[in-house]
Protein backbone atom coordinates (compact mmCIF):
# COMPACT_ATOMS: atom_id res chain seq x y z
CA UNK A 1 -28.49 18.21 128.00
CA UNK A 2 -25.06 17.45 129.45
CA UNK A 3 -23.17 14.34 128.54
CA UNK A 4 -21.14 12.42 131.12
CA UNK A 5 -17.39 12.81 130.79
CA UNK A 6 -15.59 10.01 128.98
CA UNK A 7 -11.92 9.35 129.67
CA UNK A 8 -9.70 9.38 126.60
CA UNK A 9 -8.27 5.92 125.86
CA UNK A 10 -4.91 5.27 124.21
CA UNK A 11 -3.48 1.87 123.35
CA UNK A 12 0.22 1.11 122.81
CA UNK A 13 0.30 -1.75 120.30
CA UNK A 14 2.83 -3.56 118.16
CA UNK A 15 3.03 -7.15 117.04
CA UNK A 16 6.76 -7.09 117.76
CA UNK A 17 8.31 -7.21 121.20
CA UNK A 18 11.03 -4.83 122.30
CA UNK A 19 9.75 -1.75 120.46
CA UNK A 20 9.29 0.33 123.60
CA UNK A 21 5.57 -0.09 124.26
CA UNK A 22 5.91 -0.43 128.03
CA UNK A 23 8.56 2.28 128.28
CA UNK A 24 6.40 4.62 126.22
CA UNK A 25 3.20 3.81 128.13
CA UNK A 26 4.73 4.24 131.57
CA UNK A 27 6.63 7.41 130.72
CA UNK A 28 3.62 8.95 128.96
CA UNK A 29 1.43 7.99 131.92
CA UNK A 30 3.80 9.61 134.42
CA UNK A 31 4.18 12.73 132.27
CA UNK A 32 0.41 13.16 131.88
CA UNK A 33 -0.18 12.47 135.59
CA UNK A 34 2.50 15.00 136.53
CA UNK A 35 0.65 17.55 134.39
CA UNK A 36 -2.37 17.04 136.67
CA UNK A 37 -4.52 14.65 134.64
CA UNK A 38 -5.84 11.57 136.42
CA UNK A 39 -4.30 8.64 134.57
CA UNK A 40 -4.94 4.89 134.67
CA UNK A 41 -2.33 2.56 133.16
CA UNK A 42 -3.62 -0.93 132.36
CA UNK A 43 -0.90 -3.55 131.86
CA UNK A 44 -2.32 -6.14 129.46
CA UNK A 45 0.95 -8.01 128.85
CA UNK A 46 0.70 -11.41 130.58
CA UNK A 47 4.15 -12.58 129.40
CA UNK A 48 6.34 -9.59 130.33
CA UNK A 49 4.25 -7.39 132.63
CA UNK A 50 6.90 -4.68 132.99
CA UNK A 51 4.45 -1.76 133.10
CA UNK A 52 3.10 -3.24 136.35
CA UNK A 53 6.44 -2.81 138.08
CA UNK A 54 7.80 0.44 136.61
CA UNK A 55 6.85 2.62 139.58
CA UNK A 56 6.70 1.83 143.31
CA UNK A 57 3.17 1.15 144.53
CA UNK A 58 1.74 2.91 147.58
CA UNK A 59 -1.27 0.60 147.51
CA UNK A 60 -1.32 -2.82 145.85
CA UNK A 61 -4.80 -4.02 144.95
CA UNK A 62 -5.48 -7.72 145.52
CA UNK A 63 -6.53 -8.16 141.88
CA UNK A 64 -5.62 -6.92 138.42
CA UNK A 65 -6.41 -7.59 134.76
CA UNK A 66 -7.40 -11.18 135.44
CA UNK A 67 -10.26 -10.08 137.71
CA UNK A 68 -11.17 -7.18 135.42
CA UNK A 69 -11.52 -9.34 132.32
CA UNK A 70 -12.58 -12.71 133.69
CA UNK A 71 -15.02 -11.52 136.40
CA UNK A 72 -15.89 -8.02 135.07
CA UNK A 73 -14.59 -6.64 138.39
CA UNK A 74 -14.38 -2.84 138.30
CA UNK A 75 -14.15 -2.12 142.04
CA UNK A 76 -11.41 0.45 142.55
CA UNK A 77 -10.10 -1.07 145.80
CA UNK A 78 -10.12 -4.56 144.27
CA UNK A 79 -8.19 -4.07 141.02
CA UNK A 80 -6.60 -0.60 140.93
CA UNK A 81 -3.18 -0.11 142.52
CA UNK A 82 -1.89 3.37 143.37
CA UNK A 83 1.64 4.33 142.31
CA UNK A 84 3.95 6.72 144.14
CA UNK A 85 3.27 9.27 141.38
CA UNK A 86 0.33 11.54 142.14
CA UNK A 87 -2.57 10.99 139.69
CA UNK A 88 -1.10 7.74 138.28
CA UNK A 89 -2.83 4.44 139.04
CA UNK A 90 -2.25 1.02 137.50
CA UNK A 91 -4.16 -2.20 136.95
CA UNK A 92 -1.41 -4.79 137.16
CA UNK A 93 -1.01 -7.75 134.87
CA UNK A 94 -1.69 -10.83 136.98
CA UNK A 95 -2.56 -13.46 134.36
CA UNK A 96 0.34 -15.75 135.32
CA UNK A 97 -1.04 -18.73 133.37
CA UNK A 98 -1.85 -16.65 130.26
CA UNK A 99 -5.54 -17.67 130.29
CA UNK A 100 -7.17 -14.39 129.31
CA UNK A 101 -6.50 -14.65 125.58
CA UNK A 102 -8.43 -17.93 125.44
CA UNK A 103 -11.20 -16.51 127.63
CA UNK A 104 -11.61 -13.56 125.26
CA UNK A 105 -11.85 -15.91 122.29
CA UNK A 106 -14.59 -17.94 124.02
CA UNK A 107 -16.63 -15.17 125.69
CA UNK A 108 -19.81 -13.89 124.02
CA UNK A 109 -18.62 -10.27 124.30
CA UNK A 110 -15.04 -11.36 123.55
CA UNK A 111 -13.01 -8.61 121.94
CA UNK A 112 -15.51 -5.95 123.10
CA UNK A 113 -15.24 -6.79 126.80
CA UNK A 114 -12.57 -4.21 127.62
CA UNK A 115 -14.44 -1.46 125.76
CA UNK A 116 -17.64 -2.40 127.59
CA UNK A 117 -15.94 -2.21 131.02
CA UNK A 118 -14.12 1.11 130.56
CA UNK A 119 -17.13 3.33 131.29
CA UNK A 120 -16.81 2.26 134.94
CA UNK A 121 -13.60 4.34 135.13
CA UNK A 122 -14.69 7.43 133.19
CA UNK A 123 -15.64 9.48 136.27
CA UNK A 124 -12.29 8.83 137.99
CA UNK A 125 -9.82 9.30 135.11
CA UNK A 126 -9.02 11.71 132.31
CA UNK A 127 -6.81 9.25 130.41
CA UNK A 128 -6.64 5.46 130.29
CA UNK A 129 -3.48 3.95 128.77
CA UNK A 130 -3.32 0.33 127.62
CA UNK A 131 0.04 -1.44 127.43
CA UNK A 132 0.05 -4.66 125.39
CA UNK A 133 2.15 -7.71 124.64
CA UNK A 134 4.29 -7.66 121.50
CA UNK A 135 2.30 -10.30 119.65
CA UNK A 136 -0.82 -10.50 117.50
CA UNK A 137 -3.60 -11.80 119.72
CA UNK A 138 -7.21 -11.36 120.73
CA UNK A 139 -5.94 -9.19 123.62
CA UNK A 140 -4.29 -6.78 121.18
CA UNK A 141 -7.44 -6.65 119.05
CA UNK A 142 -9.47 -6.01 122.20
CA UNK A 143 -7.26 -2.99 123.01
CA UNK A 144 -7.64 -1.60 119.49
CA UNK A 145 -11.43 -1.76 119.84
CA UNK A 146 -11.36 -0.12 123.29
CA UNK A 147 -9.04 2.75 122.30
CA UNK A 148 -9.75 6.22 120.94
CA UNK A 149 -6.19 6.42 119.60
CA UNK A 150 -3.50 3.85 118.90
CA UNK A 151 0.21 4.49 119.45
CA UNK A 152 2.55 2.09 117.69
CA UNK A 153 6.27 2.47 118.30
CA UNK A 154 8.56 1.33 115.50
CA UNK A 155 11.83 -0.54 116.01
CA UNK A 156 14.94 1.45 115.11
CA UNK A 157 15.50 -0.73 112.04
CA UNK A 158 12.35 0.82 110.51
CA UNK A 159 13.60 4.39 110.87
CA UNK A 160 14.90 6.10 107.74
CA UNK A 161 18.66 5.82 107.50
CA UNK A 162 18.74 3.70 110.69
CA UNK A 163 21.45 1.50 109.25
CA UNK A 164 23.54 4.23 107.65
CA UNK A 165 25.83 6.91 109.00
CA UNK A 166 24.08 10.11 110.01
CA UNK A 167 25.28 13.35 108.47
CA UNK A 168 25.95 14.85 105.08
CA UNK A 169 27.38 12.68 102.32
CA UNK A 170 30.89 13.40 101.22
């Protein structure tokens, strides 16, 4: 018995802004796509949706994460935009009024909604990357539950010896 292919899912999460989540997600997405793997980047940051605008779009879908999460829309032509990088697509963040977090808290499937919707993309993608807002929220928890692996960048102040001179002691 053969099992249908499931795209790997990786979430970039941190409760702090400015740690490099969007930079890491977009660069990793482009690198993986350039290696020939079909990659979908989902920008789930309603406040600073920078992953949505990192690369020029050859096709801009009329919808984005708002339609995906509020209407369970998974139609490729309706929510998936195509970047200028071969094999790299994006679902843009278009929750201008920041309503999705409240919707997730109120919905019966709530924090599991994203995980439940991802199987619709398994046949078309090898990797799905989630970029999140730098804040603790139901959206962040939803990404953790939908991901196979979590990537969490650390601010430089957390690195060993980040605040001291580098090199041997004298």
